[in-house]
Structure formats: C-alpha cells, structure tokens
C-alpha cells in the first residue's frame, strides 16, 4: 500500500497544500517570468504551458538554452546560493506558473522526504539532459541535433511514443538551440516532412520514425 502511495505522489497537489510561501500566476505568450540579473529568491513550477530559458551575452547576443514544459521546476539555482538569475525565463505559450519562495522551498525539502525525492529526481534528470546536450553539440551534425530536439519537444521516451507538439516554436528558436542557421533548420524540416518523419500545418506532429535519423551513421 505504501508503494502505491509513493508511486502516485503528485508534487503539484502537494505544493498546493503549502501554508504560505507560494503564489500562482498566469503568464501570456512572450511574458517574462524573471530576467537575467534579477535577484534569485524563488523556485518555479510549470503547472501548464511552456517556457524558454535564454541567456544574453555582454554584447547583447541571445541564445535559447532550454524549452521547459508542464510539470517541470526551474529557477532552482537560488537553493545553492546563487544571488542573481543567470538567465531569463519567458513564456512561449500561455502558462500557469507556481512560485515557491526560497525559504518555503528549503523548509519543505527538509520536512517532506517524498517531495525531496521527487525534486532530487528532477535535478538529476536535468543534469543528465545537460550532459546529453553537450555531447550532442560536440559530436552530432545539425540534422541529428534538430531531430533530437524535436523528439524531446514531443516528449519522446516519456510515454513510449511522441505526441503532438502544439507549441508553435519558431525555426529561429530551433536554430538557436542547436547552434545553426534558420535556413538549415528550414531545409531539414522540409526533408523530415517529405520523408514522413513529421507533419506540420499550424501544429507539429513528430513520428517515432524520426528516431532513425539519430541511429543512422
């Protein structure tokens, strides 16, 4: 019985019961959740929608480093003493986001083992993803990097098959994330569509056959 309760633990339901230290806010498309350089004083949880994490260089050049969706925490750098935000978080769809103050988050991590376990799993998964992204950038072609990104956006590997990507992620954003030009992204997207790997006409649908691009030498 205890095993079943653990498996069904829902962090969102749990967070909704917190007594103080949290707030829930809607964000429209292109609205900023927090900006690079602002004080890092809270952790955020995406109840629904998608956001992008982007960094800006001193020369003003921007790069998208992640796209995050429903059920994901972000902004956790404040928990390790990060005084200022190292990146900007911006909504790319209409979102509902929960803000958990730093003190409240630390308290609940200390007092609630099930939540702490779920959060630790989140951190380890994110760390693994960063390592995979680095290997991807170093060793894979831009075509393979795009195929991998599209599969990730479609949650491939989480539920066994890719799903409809309802977010209208622009080709410019895709190009920034894989380190290539928009024209190359357009070329590969058209190629994937002609081969039946993806469909897009206002909405993007990714098929599991796209995985073959990653496996092909």
C-alpha atoms as a PDB file:
ATOM      1  CA  UNK A   1       0.000   0.000   0.000  1.00  0.00           C
ATOM      2  CA  UNK A   2       2.853   2.333   0.865  1.00  0.00           C
ATOM      3  CA  UNK A   3       4.454   1.575  -2.501  1.00  0.00           C
ATOM      4  CA  UNK A   4       1.290   2.640  -4.325  1.00  0.00           C
ATOM      5  CA  UNK A   5       1.096   5.919  -2.391  1.00  0.00           C
ATOM      6  CA  UNK A   6       4.709   6.696  -3.256  1.00  0.00           C
ATOM      7  CA  UNK A   7       4.164   5.998  -6.947  1.00  0.00           C
ATOM      8  CA  UNK A   8       1.136   8.272  -7.046  1.00  0.00           C
ATOM      9  CA  UNK A   9       2.820  11.177  -5.246  1.00  0.00           C
ATOM     10  CA  UNK A  10       1.950  14.339  -7.164  1.00  0.00           C
ATOM     11  CA  UNK A  11       4.223  17.340  -6.443  1.00  0.00           C
ATOM     12  CA  UNK A  12       1.647  19.815  -7.752  1.00  0.00           C
ATOM     13  CA  UNK A  13      -1.061  18.524  -5.413  1.00  0.00           C
ATOM     14  CA  UNK A  14       1.417  18.622  -2.553  1.00  0.00           C
ATOM     15  CA  UNK A  15       2.615  22.141  -3.344  1.00  0.00           C
ATOM     16  CA  UNK A  16      -0.993  23.335  -3.434  1.00  0.00           C
ATOM     17  CA  UNK A  17      -1.264  22.470   0.272  1.00  0.00           C
ATOM     18  CA  UNK A  18       1.676  24.621   1.348  1.00  0.00           C
ATOM     19  CA  UNK A  19       0.767  27.118   4.038  1.00  0.00           C
ATOM     20  CA  UNK A  20       2.256  30.327   2.682  1.00  0.00           C
ATOM     21  CA  UNK A  21       5.385  30.900   0.662  1.00  0.00           C
ATOM     22  CA  UNK A  22       3.793  30.242  -2.727  1.00  0.00           C
ATOM     23  CA  UNK A  23       1.705  32.009  -5.343  1.00  0.00           C
ATOM     24  CA  UNK A  24       0.180  31.031  -8.676  1.00  0.00           C
ATOM     25  CA  UNK A  25       0.164  33.413 -11.627  1.00  0.00           C
ATOM     26  CA  UNK A  26      -0.832  33.314 -15.309  1.00  0.00           C
ATOM     27  CA  UNK A  27       1.675  34.391 -17.958  1.00  0.00           C
ATOM     28  CA  UNK A  28       0.824  35.215 -21.552  1.00  0.00           C
ATOM     29  CA  UNK A  29       2.958  34.327 -24.541  1.00  0.00           C
ATOM     30  CA  UNK A  30       6.262  36.282 -24.579  1.00  0.00           C
ATOM     31  CA  UNK A  31       5.727  37.466 -20.997  1.00  0.00           C
ATOM     32  CA  UNK A  32       8.838  37.352 -18.805  1.00  0.00           C
ATOM     33  CA  UNK A  33       8.765  35.231 -15.633  1.00  0.00           C
ATOM     34  CA  UNK A  34      12.131  36.526 -14.449  1.00  0.00           C
ATOM     35  CA  UNK A  35      15.051  38.300 -16.096  1.00  0.00           C
ATOM     36  CA  UNK A  36      18.764  37.636 -16.159  1.00  0.00           C
ATOM     37  CA  UNK A  37      20.432  39.655 -13.401  1.00  0.00           C
ATOM     38  CA  UNK A  38      17.379  39.855 -11.119  1.00  0.00           C
ATOM     39  CA  UNK A  39      17.615  38.538  -7.525  1.00  0.00           C
ATOM     40  CA  UNK A  40      17.285  34.746  -7.330  1.00  0.00           C
ATOM     41  CA  UNK A  41      14.820  34.311  -4.481  1.00  0.00           C
ATOM     42  CA  UNK A  42      12.359  31.590  -5.553  1.00  0.00           C
ATOM     43  CA  UNK A  43      11.851  28.314  -7.386  1.00  0.00           C
ATOM     44  CA  UNK A  44       9.143  27.993 -10.047  1.00  0.00           C
ATOM     45  CA  UNK A  45       6.931  25.116 -11.155  1.00  0.00           C
ATOM     46  CA  UNK A  46       5.121  24.988 -14.514  1.00  0.00           C
ATOM     47  CA  UNK A  47       1.521  23.894 -13.954  1.00  0.00           C
ATOM     48  CA  UNK A  48       0.756  24.128 -17.661  1.00  0.00           C
ATOM     49  CA  UNK A  49       2.299  25.659 -20.763  1.00  0.00           C
ATOM     50  CA  UNK A  50       5.877  26.024 -21.982  1.00  0.00           C
ATOM     51  CA  UNK A  51       8.684  28.485 -21.305  1.00  0.00           C
ATOM     52  CA  UNK A  52      12.100  29.090 -22.773  1.00  0.00           C
ATOM     53  CA  UNK A  53      15.294  29.781 -20.865  1.00  0.00           C
ATOM     54  CA  UNK A  54      17.616  32.202 -22.655  1.00  0.00           C
ATOM     55  CA  UNK A  55      20.887  33.881 -21.841  1.00  0.00           C
ATOM     56  CA  UNK A  56      22.190  37.205 -23.120  1.00  0.00           C
ATOM     57  CA  UNK A  57      25.880  37.961 -23.596  1.00  0.00           C
ATOM     58  CA  UNK A  58      27.522  41.272 -22.711  1.00  0.00           C
ATOM     59  CA  UNK A  59      27.406  42.078 -26.423  1.00  0.00           C
ATOM     60  CA  UNK A  60      23.626  41.598 -26.432  1.00  0.00           C
ATOM     61  CA  UNK A  61      23.560  38.273 -28.263  1.00  0.00           C
ATOM     62  CA  UNK A  62      20.796  35.932 -27.096  1.00  0.00           C
ATOM     63  CA  UNK A  63      20.792  32.136 -27.039  1.00  0.00           C
ATOM     64  CA  UNK A  64      17.944  29.812 -26.072  1.00  0.00           C
ATOM     65  CA  UNK A  65      19.368  27.076 -23.831  1.00  0.00           C
ATOM     66  CA  UNK A  66      16.208  25.165 -22.909  1.00  0.00           C
ATOM     67  CA  UNK A  67      12.495  24.803 -23.527  1.00  0.00           C
ATOM     68  CA  UNK A  68      10.589  23.533 -20.483  1.00  0.00           C
ATOM     69  CA  UNK A  69       7.046  22.229 -20.238  1.00  0.00           C
ATOM     70  CA  UNK A  70       4.317  21.201 -17.815  1.00  0.00           C
ATOM     71  CA  UNK A  71       5.425  19.569 -14.574  1.00  0.00           C
ATOM     72  CA  UNK A  72       8.960  20.989 -14.582  1.00  0.00           C
ATOM     73  CA  UNK A  73      10.735  23.043 -11.912  1.00  0.00           C
ATOM     74  CA  UNK A  74      13.083  25.875 -12.854  1.00  0.00           C
ATOM     75  CA  UNK A  75      14.983  28.660 -11.115  1.00  0.00           C
ATOM     76  CA  UNK A  76      16.421  26.239  -8.541  1.00  0.00           C
ATOM     77  CA  UNK A  77      19.824  27.983  -8.579  1.00  0.00           C
ATOM     78  CA  UNK A  78      18.692  30.089  -5.623  1.00  0.00           C
ATOM     79  CA  UNK A  79      18.866  26.949  -3.440  1.00  0.00           C
ATOM     80  CA  UNK A  80      22.657  26.747  -3.796  1.00  0.00           C
ATOM     81  CA  UNK A  81      23.296  30.394  -3.006  1.00  0.00           C
ATOM     82  CA  UNK A  82      23.009  31.844  -6.495  1.00  0.00           C
ATOM     83  CA  UNK A  83      22.355  35.544  -5.753  1.00  0.00           C
ATOM     84  CA  UNK A  84      21.230  36.621  -9.235  1.00  0.00           C
ATOM     85  CA  UNK A  85      19.464  34.937 -12.146  1.00  0.00           C
ATOM     86  CA  UNK A  86      21.916  33.691 -14.763  1.00  0.00           C
ATOM     87  CA  UNK A  87      19.243  33.515 -17.466  1.00  0.00           C
ATOM     88  CA  UNK A  88      15.840  34.872 -18.451  1.00  0.00           C
ATOM     89  CA  UNK A  89      12.677  32.744 -18.336  1.00  0.00           C
ATOM     90  CA  UNK A  90       9.999  33.706 -20.879  1.00  0.00           C
ATOM     91  CA  UNK A  91       6.643  32.124 -21.720  1.00  0.00           C
ATOM     92  CA  UNK A  92       6.302  30.774 -25.257  1.00  0.00           C
ATOM     93  CA  UNK A  93       2.669  29.797 -24.682  1.00  0.00           C
ATOM     94  CA  UNK A  94       0.030  30.903 -22.210  1.00  0.00           C
ATOM     95  CA  UNK A  95       1.230  29.452 -18.899  1.00  0.00           C
ATOM     96  CA  UNK A  96       0.202  28.981 -15.302  1.00  0.00           C
ATOM     97  CA  UNK A  97       3.248  29.034 -13.041  1.00  0.00           C
ATOM     98  CA  UNK A  98       3.629  28.472  -9.326  1.00  0.00           C
ATOM     99  CA  UNK A  99       6.255  30.494  -7.457  1.00  0.00           C
ATOM    100  CA  UNK A 100       7.685  28.952  -4.281  1.00  0.00           C
ATOM    101  CA  UNK A 101       9.776  31.285  -2.135  1.00  0.00           C
ATOM    102  CA  UNK A 102      13.307  30.133  -1.316  1.00  0.00           C
ATOM    103  CA  UNK A 103      12.660  29.768   2.435  1.00  0.00           C
ATOM    104  CA  UNK A 104       9.448  27.791   1.853  1.00  0.00           C
ATOM    105  CA  UNK A 105      11.187  25.513  -0.662  1.00  0.00           C
ATOM    106  CA  UNK A 106      14.083  24.780   1.684  1.00  0.00           C
ATOM    107  CA  UNK A 107      11.663  24.067   4.523  1.00  0.00           C
ATOM    108  CA  UNK A 108       9.590  21.606   2.525  1.00  0.00           C
ATOM    109  CA  UNK A 109      12.694  19.825   1.191  1.00  0.00           C
ATOM    110  CA  UNK A 110      13.846  19.301   4.779  1.00  0.00           C
ATOM    111  CA  UNK A 111      10.460  18.234   6.147  1.00  0.00           C
ATOM    112  CA  UNK A 112       8.923  16.144   3.335  1.00  0.00           C
ATOM    113  CA  UNK A 113      11.008  13.146   2.137  1.00  0.00           C
ATOM    114  CA  UNK A 114       8.658  12.233  -0.724  1.00  0.00           C
ATOM    115  CA  UNK A 115       8.792  15.710  -2.155  1.00  0.00           C
ATOM    116  CA  UNK A 116      12.573  15.888  -1.669  1.00  0.00           C
ATOM    117  CA  UNK A 117      12.922  12.603  -3.543  1.00  0.00           C
ATOM    118  CA  UNK A 118      10.800  13.877  -6.428  1.00  0.00           C
ATOM    119  CA  UNK A 119      12.776  17.107  -6.587  1.00  0.00           C
ATOM    120  CA  UNK A 120      16.107  15.257  -6.499  1.00  0.00           C
ATOM    121  CA  UNK A 121      14.932  13.127  -9.420  1.00  0.00           C
ATOM    122  CA  UNK A 122      14.139  16.338 -11.283  1.00  0.00           C
ATOM    123  CA  UNK A 123      17.636  17.726 -10.655  1.00  0.00           C
ATOM    124  CA  UNK A 124      19.373  14.512 -11.723  1.00  0.00           C
ATOM    125  CA  UNK A 125      17.257  14.318 -14.873  1.00  0.00           C
ATOM    126  CA  UNK A 126      18.070  17.925 -15.763  1.00  0.00           C
ATOM    127  CA  UNK A 127      21.792  17.307 -15.137  1.00  0.00           C
ATOM    128  CA  UNK A 128      21.718  14.260 -17.405  1.00  0.00           C
ATOM    129  CA  UNK A 129      19.963  16.303 -20.084  1.00  0.00           C
ATOM    130  CA  UNK A 130      22.666  18.990 -19.903  1.00  0.00           C
ATOM    131  CA  UNK A 131      25.357  16.350 -20.381  1.00  0.00           C
ATOM    132  CA  UNK A 132      23.487  14.855 -23.336  1.00  0.00           C
ATOM    133  CA  UNK A 133      23.080  18.326 -24.861  1.00  0.00           C
ATOM    134  CA  UNK A 134      26.835  18.924 -24.587  1.00  0.00           C
ATOM    135  CA  UNK A 135      27.647  15.621 -26.303  1.00  0.00           C
ATOM    136  CA  UNK A 136      25.024  16.413 -28.932  1.00  0.00           C
ATOM    137  CA  UNK A 137      26.591  19.794 -29.697  1.00  0.00           C
ATOM    138  CA  UNK A 138      30.131  18.402 -29.805  1.00  0.00           C
ATOM    139  CA  UNK A 139      29.658  15.276 -31.879  1.00  0.00           C
ATOM    140  CA  UNK A 140      26.374  15.305 -33.813  1.00  0.00           C
ATOM    141  CA  UNK A 141      25.523  17.000 -37.092  1.00  0.00           C
ATOM    142  CA  UNK A 142      22.981  19.824 -37.128  1.00  0.00           C
ATOM    143  CA  UNK A 143      20.481  17.423 -38.738  1.00  0.00           C
ATOM    144  CA  UNK A 144      20.783  14.963 -35.844  1.00  0.00           C
ATOM    145  CA  UNK A 145      20.660  17.787 -33.294  1.00  0.00           C
ATOM    146  CA  UNK A 146      17.395  19.033 -34.793  1.00  0.00           C
ATOM    147  CA  UNK A 147      15.905  15.521 -34.867  1.00  0.00           C
ATOM    148  CA  UNK A 148      16.807  15.018 -31.198  1.00  0.00           C
ATOM    149  CA  UNK A 149      15.351  18.390 -30.198  1.00  0.00           C
ATOM    150  CA  UNK A 150      12.050  17.682 -31.984  1.00  0.00           C
ATOM    151  CA  UNK A 151      11.791  14.290 -30.265  1.00  0.00           C
ATOM    152  CA  UNK A 152      12.437  15.939 -26.893  1.00  0.00           C
ATOM    153  CA  UNK A 153       9.792  18.600 -27.551  1.00  0.00           C
ATOM    154  CA  UNK A 154       7.356  15.785 -28.328  1.00  0.00           C
ATOM    155  CA  UNK A 155       8.249  14.056 -25.024  1.00  0.00           C
ATOM    156  CA  UNK A 156       9.596  11.000 -26.832  1.00  0.00           C
ATOM    157  CA  UNK A 157      10.732   8.380 -24.344  1.00  0.00           C
ATOM    158  CA  UNK A 158       8.431   9.503 -21.521  1.00  0.00           C
ATOM    159  CA  UNK A 159       5.233   7.739 -22.529  1.00  0.00           C
ATOM    160  CA  UNK A 160       6.562   5.443 -25.234  1.00  0.00           C
ATOM    161  CA  UNK A 161       5.596   7.461 -28.304  1.00  0.00           C
ATOM    162  CA  UNK A 162       5.913  11.064 -29.457  1.00  0.00           C
ATOM    163  CA  UNK A 163       2.906  13.329 -29.052  1.00  0.00           C
ATOM    164  CA  UNK A 164       1.507  16.352 -30.822  1.00  0.00           C
ATOM    165  CA  UNK A 165       3.656  19.440 -30.297  1.00  0.00           C
ATOM    166  CA  UNK A 166       1.047  22.172 -30.019  1.00  0.00           C
ATOM    167  CA  UNK A 167       3.608  24.851 -29.233  1.00  0.00           C
ATOM    168  CA  UNK A 168       4.472  26.970 -32.244  1.00  0.00           C
ATOM    169  CA  UNK A 169       8.235  27.001 -31.684  1.00  0.00           C
ATOM    170  CA  UNK A 170       9.749  29.178 -34.379  1.00  0.00           C
ATOM    171  CA  UNK A 171      12.527  27.980 -36.650  1.00  0.00           C
ATOM    172  CA  UNK A 172      14.668  30.822 -35.285  1.00  0.00           C
ATOM    173  CA  UNK A 173      14.379  29.384 -31.765  1.00  0.00           C
ATOM    174  CA  UNK A 174      15.128  25.874 -33.017  1.00  0.00           C
ATOM    175  CA  UNK A 175      18.200  27.214 -34.812  1.00  0.00           C
ATOM    176  CA  UNK A 176      19.433  28.967 -31.674  1.00  0.00           C
ATOM    177  CA  UNK A 177      19.032  25.816 -29.607  1.00  0.00           C
ATOM    178  CA  UNK A 178      21.011  23.553 -31.934  1.00  0.00           C
ATOM    179  CA  UNK A 179      23.591  26.120 -32.979  1.00  0.00           C
ATOM    180  CA  UNK A 180      22.875  26.512 -36.670  1.00  0.00           C
ATOM    181  CA  UNK A 181      21.083  28.874 -39.069  1.00  0.00           C
ATOM    182  CA  UNK A 182      17.360  29.218 -39.694  1.00  0.00           C
ATOM    183  CA  UNK A 183      17.872  28.252 -43.343  1.00  0.00           C
ATOM    184  CA  UNK A 184      19.429  24.930 -42.300  1.00  0.00           C
ATOM    185  CA  UNK A 185      16.554  24.253 -39.924  1.00  0.00           C
ATOM    186  CA  UNK A 186      14.076  25.008 -42.711  1.00  0.00           C
ATOM    187  CA  UNK A 187      15.934  22.648 -45.054  1.00  0.00           C
ATOM    188  CA  UNK A 188      15.895  19.775 -42.546  1.00  0.00           C
ATOM    189  CA  UNK A 189      12.273  20.374 -41.504  1.00  0.00           C
ATOM    190  CA  UNK A 190      11.196  20.114 -45.139  1.00  0.00           C
ATOM    191  CA  UNK A 191      13.316  16.988 -45.546  1.00  0.00           C
ATOM    192  CA  UNK A 192      11.780  15.376 -42.431  1.00  0.00           C
ATOM    193  CA  UNK A 193       8.295  16.208 -43.681  1.00  0.00           C
ATOM    194  CA  UNK A 194       8.913  14.738 -47.139  1.00  0.00           C
ATOM    195  CA  UNK A 195      10.223  11.532 -45.530  1.00  0.00           C
ATOM    196  CA  UNK A 196       7.117  11.292 -43.321  1.00  0.00           C
ATOM    197  CA  UNK A 197       9.009  11.797 -40.064  1.00  0.00           C
ATOM    198  CA  UNK A 198       6.991  14.891 -39.108  1.00  0.00           C
ATOM    199  CA  UNK A 199       3.798  16.696 -40.099  1.00  0.00           C
ATOM    200  CA  UNK A 200       3.240  20.369 -39.647  1.00  0.00           C
ATOM    201  CA  UNK A 201       0.442  22.631 -40.755  1.00  0.00           C
ATOM    202  CA  UNK A 202      -0.106  25.072 -37.930  1.00  0.00           C
ATOM    203  CA  UNK A 203       0.676  22.266 -35.469  1.00  0.00           C
ATOM    204  CA  UNK A 204       3.686  19.981 -35.398  1.00  0.00           C
ATOM    205  CA  UNK A 205       3.353  16.202 -35.093  1.00  0.00           C
ATOM    206  CA  UNK A 206       6.503  14.162 -34.610  1.00  0.00           C
ATOM    207  CA  UNK A 207       6.556  10.464 -35.516  1.00  0.00           C
ATOM    208  CA  UNK A 208       8.740   7.871 -33.823  1.00  0.00           C
ATOM    209  CA  UNK A 209      10.337   7.133 -37.215  1.00  0.00           C
ATOM    210  CA  UNK A 210      12.349  10.357 -36.718  1.00  0.00           C
ATOM    211  CA  UNK A 211      14.432   8.372 -34.242  1.00  0.00           C
ATOM    212  CA  UNK A 212      16.029   6.687 -37.263  1.00  0.00           C
ATOM    213  CA  UNK A 213      17.853   9.933 -38.049  1.00  0.00           C
ATOM    214  CA  UNK A 214      19.693   9.662 -34.723  1.00  0.00           C
ATOM    215  CA  UNK A 215      20.527   5.987 -35.198  1.00  0.00           C
ATOM    216  CA  UNK A 216      21.759   6.361 -38.783  1.00  0.00           C
ATOM    217  CA  UNK A 217      25.541   6.674 -39.166  1.00  0.00           C
END
